[in-house]
N, C-alpha and C. Protein backbone atom coordinates (compact mmCIF):
# COMPACT_ATOMS: atom_id res chain seq x y z
N MET A 1 -12.32 -19.70 -43.90
CA MET A 1 -12.30 -20.74 -44.95
C MET A 1 -12.27 -22.03 -44.59
N THR A 2 -13.11 -23.00 -45.14
CA THR A 2 -13.35 -24.27 -44.64
C THR A 2 -12.08 -25.38 -45.11
N ILE A 3 -11.47 -25.96 -44.60
CA ILE A 3 -10.46 -26.73 -44.93
C ILE A 3 -11.30 -28.12 -45.63
N THR A 4 -10.68 -28.25 -46.77
CA THR A 4 -11.13 -29.24 -47.63
C THR A 4 -10.33 -30.72 -47.53
N ALA A 5 -10.65 -31.41 -47.08
CA ALA A 5 -9.77 -32.99 -47.42
C ALA A 5 -9.87 -33.64 -48.82
N PRO A 6 -8.75 -34.42 -49.46
CA PRO A 6 -9.11 -35.10 -50.64
C PRO A 6 -10.13 -36.10 -50.29
N ILE A 7 -10.88 -36.26 -51.37
CA ILE A 7 -11.85 -37.68 -51.36
C ILE A 7 -11.26 -38.97 -51.73
N HIS A 8 -9.88 -38.59 -52.38
CA HIS A 8 -9.10 -39.82 -53.11
C HIS A 8 -7.82 -39.02 -53.48
N THR A 9 -6.78 -39.95 -53.28
CA THR A 9 -5.41 -39.70 -53.69
C THR A 9 -5.27 -40.67 -54.52
N ALA A 10 -4.66 -40.32 -55.87
CA ALA A 10 -4.27 -41.61 -56.64
C ALA A 10 -2.49 -41.52 -57.21
N THR A 11 -2.17 -42.22 -57.77
CA THR A 11 -0.67 -42.25 -58.15
C THR A 11 -0.78 -41.97 -59.92
N ILE A 12 -0.43 -40.92 -60.28
CA ILE A 12 -0.41 -40.88 -61.87
C ILE A 12 1.16 -40.74 -62.20
N ASN A 13 1.75 -41.52 -63.05
CA ASN A 13 2.81 -41.20 -63.48
C ASN A 13 4.25 -41.12 -62.33
N GLY A 14 3.49 -41.68 -61.39
CA GLY A 14 4.51 -42.00 -60.21
C GLY A 14 4.33 -40.68 -59.15
N HIS A 15 3.44 -39.64 -59.19
CA HIS A 15 3.19 -38.91 -58.37
C HIS A 15 1.73 -38.80 -57.72
N ALA A 16 1.59 -38.25 -56.44
CA ALA A 16 0.26 -38.25 -55.94
C ALA A 16 -0.41 -37.15 -56.59
N VAL A 17 -1.84 -37.71 -57.05
CA VAL A 17 -2.93 -36.65 -57.39
C VAL A 17 -4.30 -36.73 -56.60
N ARG A 18 -4.57 -35.60 -56.17
CA ARG A 18 -5.58 -35.47 -55.22
C ARG A 18 -6.91 -35.19 -56.18
N PHE A 19 -8.04 -35.64 -55.34
CA PHE A 19 -9.50 -35.48 -55.83
C PHE A 19 -10.11 -34.83 -54.84
N PHE A 20 -11.10 -33.87 -55.10
CA PHE A 20 -12.01 -33.28 -54.19
C PHE A 20 -13.47 -33.46 -54.76
N TRP A 21 -14.27 -33.03 -53.44
CA TRP A 21 -15.58 -33.02 -53.69
C TRP A 21 -15.62 -31.79 -54.51
N PRO A 22 -16.62 -31.68 -55.35
CA PRO A 22 -16.99 -30.46 -56.29
C PRO A 22 -17.08 -29.31 -55.27
N PRO A 23 -16.36 -27.92 -55.61
CA PRO A 23 -16.45 -27.07 -54.68
C PRO A 23 -17.90 -26.16 -54.93
N ILE A 24 -18.24 -26.59 -56.09
CA ILE A 24 -19.54 -25.68 -56.70
C ILE A 24 -20.74 -26.27 -55.73
N ASN A 25 -21.47 -26.06 -54.67
CA ASN A 25 -22.59 -26.58 -54.06
C ASN A 25 -23.99 -26.20 -54.71
N ASP A 26 -24.07 -26.46 -55.73
CA ASP A 26 -25.86 -26.32 -56.49
C ASP A 26 -26.18 -27.30 -56.58
N GLY A 27 -26.27 -28.66 -56.07
CA GLY A 27 -27.02 -29.65 -56.23
C GLY A 27 -26.97 -30.29 -57.39
N ARG A 28 -26.49 -29.87 -58.35
CA ARG A 28 -26.31 -30.45 -59.83
C ARG A 28 -24.98 -31.60 -59.60
N PRO A 29 -25.32 -32.62 -60.56
CA PRO A 29 -24.21 -34.00 -60.45
C PRO A 29 -22.97 -32.95 -61.24
N ASP A 30 -21.88 -33.57 -60.45
CA ASP A 30 -20.59 -33.21 -61.03
C ASP A 30 -19.62 -34.19 -61.05
N PHE A 31 -18.46 -34.30 -61.33
CA PHE A 31 -17.41 -35.11 -61.33
C PHE A 31 -16.78 -34.83 -60.19
N PRO A 32 -15.68 -35.74 -59.48
CA PRO A 32 -14.93 -35.04 -58.63
C PRO A 32 -13.88 -33.97 -59.44
N TRP A 33 -13.17 -33.14 -58.66
CA TRP A 33 -12.45 -31.91 -59.16
C TRP A 33 -10.97 -32.60 -58.60
N HIS A 34 -9.92 -32.28 -59.38
CA HIS A 34 -8.59 -32.82 -59.34
C HIS A 34 -7.80 -31.44 -58.68
N ALA A 35 -6.65 -31.76 -58.16
CA ALA A 35 -5.68 -30.77 -57.74
C ALA A 35 -4.97 -30.50 -59.01
N VAL A 36 -4.91 -29.25 -59.65
CA VAL A 36 -4.25 -29.13 -60.72
C VAL A 36 -2.82 -29.07 -60.77
N ASN A 37 -2.22 -28.48 -60.10
CA ASN A 37 -0.93 -28.51 -59.48
C ASN A 37 -0.27 -29.79 -59.52
N ASP A 38 -1.03 -30.86 -58.92
CA ASP A 38 -0.80 -32.06 -58.68
C ASP A 38 -0.61 -32.70 -60.13
N LEU A 39 -1.72 -32.37 -60.85
CA LEU A 39 -1.88 -33.32 -62.09
C LEU A 39 -0.59 -32.76 -63.05
N MET A 40 -0.63 -31.33 -62.91
CA MET A 40 0.64 -30.90 -63.76
C MET A 40 2.29 -31.47 -63.32
N THR A 41 2.57 -31.33 -62.40
CA THR A 41 3.47 -31.95 -61.57
C THR A 41 3.74 -33.26 -61.72
N ALA A 42 2.86 -34.34 -62.07
CA ALA A 42 2.60 -35.93 -62.27
C ALA A 42 2.77 -35.90 -63.92
N ILE A 43 2.95 -34.87 -64.61
CA ILE A 43 3.16 -34.61 -65.74
C ILE A 43 4.64 -34.39 -66.01
N GLY A 44 5.38 -33.85 -65.16
CA GLY A 44 6.75 -33.75 -65.24
C GLY A 44 6.90 -32.15 -65.57
N LEU A 45 5.85 -31.16 -65.66
CA LEU A 45 6.03 -29.91 -66.09
C LEU A 45 6.81 -29.04 -64.82
N PRO A 46 7.92 -28.12 -65.56
CA PRO A 46 8.67 -27.21 -64.37
C PRO A 46 7.91 -26.26 -63.90
N PRO A 47 8.06 -25.95 -62.47
CA PRO A 47 7.29 -24.89 -62.02
C PRO A 47 7.00 -23.82 -62.63
N GLY A 48 8.00 -23.07 -63.15
CA GLY A 48 7.42 -21.96 -64.14
C GLY A 48 6.20 -22.47 -65.31
N MET A 49 6.46 -23.50 -65.94
CA MET A 49 5.50 -24.08 -66.66
C MET A 49 4.14 -24.12 -66.31
N ILE A 50 4.09 -24.56 -65.03
CA ILE A 50 2.88 -25.00 -64.11
C ILE A 50 2.30 -23.32 -63.93
N GLU A 51 3.21 -22.75 -63.59
CA GLU A 51 2.31 -21.63 -63.16
C GLU A 51 1.81 -20.60 -64.44
N HIS A 52 2.75 -20.72 -65.66
CA HIS A 52 1.98 -20.25 -66.69
C HIS A 52 0.86 -20.64 -67.46
N PHE A 53 0.79 -22.13 -67.37
CA PHE A 53 -0.52 -22.59 -67.88
C PHE A 53 -1.75 -22.52 -66.98
N LEU A 54 -1.35 -22.38 -65.51
CA LEU A 54 -2.51 -22.04 -64.79
C LEU A 54 -3.01 -20.60 -64.82
N ARG A 55 -2.00 -19.70 -64.88
CA ARG A 55 -2.71 -18.37 -65.15
C ARG A 55 -3.48 -18.12 -66.31
N GLY A 56 -3.11 -18.70 -67.57
CA GLY A 56 -3.88 -18.97 -68.54
C GLY A 56 -5.13 -19.40 -68.27
N ALA A 57 -5.16 -20.65 -68.06
CA ALA A 57 -6.34 -21.61 -67.57
C ALA A 57 -7.50 -20.60 -66.64
N LYS A 58 -6.88 -20.13 -65.64
CA LYS A 58 -7.73 -19.33 -64.86
C LYS A 58 -8.17 -18.12 -65.39
N GLN A 59 -7.32 -17.42 -66.51
CA GLN A 59 -8.03 -16.41 -67.14
C GLN A 59 -9.06 -16.78 -68.36
N ASP A 60 -8.91 -17.86 -68.93
CA ASP A 60 -9.67 -18.38 -70.06
C ASP A 60 -10.82 -18.78 -69.46
N HIS A 61 -10.71 -19.78 -68.38
CA HIS A 61 -11.85 -20.26 -68.03
C HIS A 61 -11.91 -20.46 -66.41
N ALA A 62 -12.13 -19.30 -66.08
CA ALA A 62 -12.38 -19.05 -64.73
C ALA A 62 -13.47 -19.79 -64.10
N GLU A 63 -14.63 -20.26 -64.63
CA GLU A 63 -15.65 -20.87 -63.91
C GLU A 63 -15.37 -22.27 -63.87
N MET A 64 -14.07 -22.62 -64.58
CA MET A 64 -13.72 -24.10 -64.45
C MET A 64 -12.56 -24.16 -63.60
N HIS A 65 -12.36 -23.27 -62.75
CA HIS A 65 -11.14 -23.41 -61.55
C HIS A 65 -11.35 -22.59 -60.38
N ARG A 66 -11.35 -23.30 -59.14
CA ARG A 66 -11.58 -22.65 -58.25
C ARG A 66 -10.32 -23.14 -57.01
N THR A 67 -10.12 -22.16 -56.08
CA THR A 67 -9.19 -22.16 -54.94
C THR A 67 -9.60 -22.42 -53.99
N ILE A 68 -9.12 -23.87 -53.14
CA ILE A 68 -9.89 -24.30 -52.08
C ILE A 68 -8.50 -24.21 -51.01
N ALA A 69 -9.07 -24.38 -49.64
CA ALA A 69 -8.20 -24.38 -48.54
C ALA A 69 -8.09 -25.97 -48.31
N THR A 70 -6.74 -26.49 -48.34
CA THR A 70 -6.89 -27.92 -47.97
C THR A 70 -5.86 -27.85 -46.72
N PRO A 71 -5.65 -29.21 -46.25
CA PRO A 71 -4.51 -29.39 -44.95
C PRO A 71 -3.26 -29.16 -45.54
N ASP A 72 -3.00 -29.18 -46.60
CA ASP A 72 -1.61 -28.71 -47.08
C ASP A 72 -1.53 -27.45 -47.84
N GLY A 73 -2.67 -26.62 -47.68
CA GLY A 73 -2.50 -24.96 -48.41
C GLY A 73 -3.40 -25.01 -49.14
N LEU A 74 -3.66 -23.59 -49.58
CA LEU A 74 -4.30 -23.47 -51.09
C LEU A 74 -4.25 -24.37 -52.07
N VAL A 75 -5.18 -24.63 -52.84
CA VAL A 75 -5.01 -25.62 -54.14
C VAL A 75 -6.09 -25.19 -55.11
N THR A 76 -5.44 -25.09 -56.37
CA THR A 76 -6.28 -24.93 -57.35
C THR A 76 -7.04 -25.94 -58.05
N VAL A 77 -8.51 -26.33 -58.27
CA VAL A 77 -9.00 -27.52 -58.54
C VAL A 77 -9.83 -27.10 -59.75
N ALA A 78 -10.01 -28.33 -60.47
CA ALA A 78 -10.69 -27.98 -61.97
C ALA A 78 -11.65 -29.35 -61.98
N PRO A 79 -12.65 -29.43 -62.94
CA PRO A 79 -13.41 -30.59 -63.00
C PRO A 79 -12.53 -31.40 -64.05
N HIS A 80 -13.27 -32.56 -64.15
CA HIS A 80 -12.76 -33.65 -65.38
C HIS A 80 -12.57 -33.27 -66.47
N PRO A 81 -13.36 -32.44 -67.03
CA PRO A 81 -13.10 -32.07 -68.44
C PRO A 81 -11.42 -31.38 -68.80
N VAL A 82 -11.39 -30.61 -67.68
CA VAL A 82 -10.22 -29.73 -67.72
C VAL A 82 -8.90 -30.54 -67.99
N ALA A 83 -8.87 -31.66 -67.00
CA ALA A 83 -7.86 -32.64 -67.04
C ALA A 83 -7.86 -33.67 -68.29
N GLN A 84 -8.96 -34.02 -68.81
CA GLN A 84 -8.98 -34.68 -70.26
C GLN A 84 -8.49 -33.81 -71.22
N GLY A 85 -8.59 -32.48 -71.32
CA GLY A 85 -8.07 -31.67 -72.49
C GLY A 85 -6.48 -31.77 -72.14
N PHE A 86 -6.13 -31.21 -70.88
CA PHE A 86 -4.85 -31.26 -70.65
C PHE A 86 -4.08 -32.50 -70.85
N LEU A 87 -4.60 -33.44 -70.40
CA LEU A 87 -3.64 -34.81 -70.45
C LEU A 87 -3.58 -35.14 -71.81
N GLY A 88 -4.51 -35.08 -72.84
CA GLY A 88 -4.65 -35.22 -74.08
C GLY A 88 -3.71 -34.63 -75.03
N ALA A 89 -3.50 -33.24 -74.64
CA ALA A 89 -2.62 -32.43 -75.25
C ALA A 89 -1.45 -32.73 -74.84
N MET A 90 -0.94 -33.06 -73.71
CA MET A 90 0.29 -33.35 -73.07
C MET A 90 0.79 -34.64 -73.77
N VAL A 91 0.02 -35.55 -74.16
CA VAL A 91 0.22 -36.84 -74.52
C VAL A 91 0.51 -36.63 -76.32
N HIS A 92 -0.37 -35.82 -76.85
CA HIS A 92 -0.33 -35.44 -78.11
C HIS A 92 0.97 -34.69 -78.50
N VAL A 93 1.69 -33.57 -77.69
CA VAL A 93 3.12 -33.05 -78.08
C VAL A 93 3.84 -33.96 -77.31
N GLY A 94 3.81 -35.04 -76.90
CA GLY A 94 5.07 -35.58 -76.61
C GLY A 94 5.43 -35.48 -75.02
N ARG A 95 4.89 -34.51 -74.40
CA ARG A 95 5.06 -34.38 -73.02
C ARG A 95 4.97 -34.96 -71.70
N ALA A 96 3.97 -36.01 -72.21
CA ALA A 96 3.41 -37.39 -71.41
C ALA A 96 3.32 -38.49 -71.99
N PRO A 97 3.92 -39.53 -71.39
CA PRO A 97 3.33 -41.07 -71.81
C PRO A 97 1.97 -41.33 -72.14
N LYS A 98 1.62 -41.99 -72.81
CA LYS A 98 0.09 -42.44 -73.34
C LYS A 98 -0.60 -43.09 -72.06
N THR A 99 0.34 -43.56 -71.00
CA THR A 99 -0.07 -44.15 -69.89
C THR A 99 -0.87 -43.40 -68.74
N VAL A 100 -0.33 -42.02 -68.97
CA VAL A 100 -1.08 -41.39 -68.04
C VAL A 100 -2.89 -41.23 -68.12
N GLU A 101 -2.97 -41.16 -69.22
CA GLU A 101 -4.53 -41.24 -69.62
C GLU A 101 -5.06 -42.10 -68.80
N LEU A 102 -4.77 -43.50 -69.19
CA LEU A 102 -5.12 -44.80 -68.50
C LEU A 102 -4.99 -44.53 -67.03
N GLU A 103 -3.87 -44.04 -66.30
CA GLU A 103 -4.01 -43.91 -65.23
C GLU A 103 -5.01 -43.17 -64.44
N TYR A 104 -4.96 -41.66 -65.14
CA TYR A 104 -5.95 -40.85 -64.79
C TYR A 104 -7.50 -41.36 -64.77
N THR A 105 -7.79 -42.07 -65.88
CA THR A 105 -8.92 -42.63 -65.67
C THR A 105 -9.53 -43.71 -64.71
N LYS A 106 -8.55 -44.47 -64.36
CA LYS A 106 -8.61 -45.33 -63.17
C LYS A 106 -8.61 -44.31 -62.04
N ALA A 107 -8.06 -43.51 -61.97
CA ALA A 107 -8.22 -42.44 -60.62
C ALA A 107 -9.45 -41.50 -60.55
N ILE A 108 -10.02 -41.40 -61.83
CA ILE A 108 -11.26 -40.24 -61.64
C ILE A 108 -12.30 -41.37 -61.25
N THR A 109 -12.22 -42.49 -61.99
CA THR A 109 -13.28 -43.67 -61.89
C THR A 109 -13.30 -44.08 -60.15
N GLU A 110 -11.98 -44.10 -59.49
CA GLU A 110 -11.96 -44.56 -58.05
C GLU A 110 -12.67 -43.20 -57.12
N ALA A 111 -12.22 -41.94 -57.63
CA ALA A 111 -12.71 -40.91 -56.91
C ALA A 111 -13.86 -40.56 -56.92
N GLY A 112 -14.69 -41.12 -58.19
CA GLY A 112 -16.28 -40.85 -58.34
C GLY A 112 -16.94 -41.61 -57.49
N GLU A 113 -16.53 -42.96 -57.19
CA GLU A 113 -17.01 -43.60 -56.31
C GLU A 113 -17.60 -43.17 -54.99
N CYS A 114 -16.99 -42.10 -54.56
CA CYS A 114 -17.21 -41.22 -53.36
C CYS A 114 -18.33 -40.45 -53.56
N LEU A 115 -19.09 -40.06 -54.91
CA LEU A 115 -20.07 -39.09 -54.96
C LEU A 115 -21.16 -39.91 -55.25
N PRO A 116 -22.33 -39.50 -54.89
CA PRO A 116 -23.71 -40.20 -54.68
C PRO A 116 -23.88 -40.50 -56.27
N TYR A 117 -24.16 -39.53 -57.03
CA TYR A 117 -24.65 -39.35 -58.15
C TYR A 117 -23.89 -39.92 -59.31
N SER A 118 -22.58 -40.61 -59.10
CA SER A 118 -21.75 -41.09 -59.87
C SER A 118 -21.90 -42.60 -60.26
N GLN A 119 -22.86 -42.93 -59.28
CA GLN A 119 -23.19 -44.46 -59.22
C GLN A 119 -24.39 -44.72 -60.33
N THR A 120 -24.93 -43.99 -60.94
CA THR A 120 -25.69 -44.10 -61.96
C THR A 120 -25.64 -43.63 -63.19
N ILE A 121 -26.16 -44.19 -64.38
CA ILE A 121 -25.77 -43.61 -65.73
C ILE A 121 -26.13 -42.24 -65.82
N ASP A 122 -27.31 -42.23 -65.15
CA ASP A 122 -28.21 -40.57 -65.59
C ASP A 122 -27.19 -39.74 -64.62
N GLY A 123 -26.84 -40.14 -63.84
CA GLY A 123 -25.89 -39.21 -62.89
C GLY A 123 -24.55 -38.64 -63.80
N VAL A 124 -23.95 -39.79 -64.31
CA VAL A 124 -22.82 -39.67 -65.03
C VAL A 124 -22.84 -38.58 -66.41
N ILE A 125 -24.05 -38.97 -66.89
CA ILE A 125 -24.46 -38.13 -68.27
C ILE A 125 -24.91 -36.48 -67.71
N ALA A 126 -25.73 -36.66 -66.74
CA ALA A 126 -25.73 -35.16 -66.21
C ALA A 126 -24.55 -34.26 -65.72
N ALA A 127 -23.44 -34.89 -65.26
CA ALA A 127 -22.23 -34.65 -64.80
C ALA A 127 -21.55 -33.90 -66.14
N TYR A 128 -21.49 -35.08 -66.96
CA TYR A 128 -20.82 -34.57 -68.33
C TYR A 128 -21.73 -33.37 -69.47
N HIS A 129 -22.82 -33.29 -69.22
CA HIS A 129 -23.49 -32.68 -69.76
C HIS A 129 -22.95 -31.02 -69.20
N ARG A 130 -23.15 -31.17 -67.73
CA ARG A 130 -22.73 -29.87 -67.07
C ARG A 130 -21.60 -29.16 -67.17
N TRP A 131 -20.16 -29.70 -67.87
CA TRP A 131 -19.42 -29.25 -68.25
C TRP A 131 -19.19 -29.32 -69.67
N ASN A 132 -19.75 -30.27 -70.36
CA ASN A 132 -19.55 -30.06 -71.83
C ASN A 132 -20.10 -28.94 -72.57
N SER A 133 -21.22 -28.48 -72.03
CA SER A 133 -21.49 -27.08 -72.51
C SER A 133 -20.85 -26.07 -72.27
N ALA A 134 -20.32 -25.88 -71.05
CA ALA A 134 -19.13 -25.02 -70.69
C ALA A 134 -18.09 -24.90 -71.61
N ALA A 135 -17.25 -26.21 -71.80
CA ALA A 135 -16.40 -26.15 -72.84
C ALA A 135 -16.88 -25.75 -74.16
N ASP A 136 -17.79 -26.07 -74.53
CA ASP A 136 -18.39 -25.57 -75.85
C ASP A 136 -18.48 -24.38 -76.02
N SER A 137 -19.07 -23.47 -75.29
CA SER A 137 -19.22 -22.26 -75.19
C SER A 137 -17.92 -21.30 -75.01
N ALA A 138 -16.81 -22.02 -74.55
CA ALA A 138 -15.71 -21.61 -74.27
C ALA A 138 -14.57 -21.53 -75.70
N GLY A 139 -15.10 -22.21 -76.53
CA GLY A 139 -14.47 -22.24 -78.07
C GLY A 139 -13.84 -24.14 -77.90
N GLY A 140 -14.40 -24.94 -77.36
CA GLY A 140 -13.86 -25.92 -77.80
C GLY A 140 -13.25 -26.76 -76.26
N ALA A 141 -12.16 -27.00 -76.31
CA ALA A 141 -11.38 -27.84 -75.15
C ALA A 141 -11.34 -27.03 -74.16
N ALA A 142 -11.63 -27.49 -72.92
CA ALA A 142 -11.68 -26.76 -71.61
C ALA A 142 -10.28 -26.86 -71.22
């Protein structure tokens, strides 16, 4: 298994969140993928709740989660829409401050600067449509 280093690490809610090159190598535009555990930890979820959410997410949206090898061990990663849905829900239920959405937006934008197709509006639109249709076919939010 190839070891994958993060393309960007950002601080969200006082915690490091790693971003990676998309693990699906099909040549289609995509957003950077985030380390799911990192983001859930940044929200302040306890380990048992992280495991519960991760198990359900992998079961319900397997196409939107991958396990990769990193210098720090195996990590589950997911594309941008997964983070958007998760953060929006956590803010809505009062589990996370509204500021995490702004911090995440800044982080994904910075991580996206590492990907060639994120430099054009056409590339961003193509990446959006890639996962928007997957979320729609899965019943709404990713």
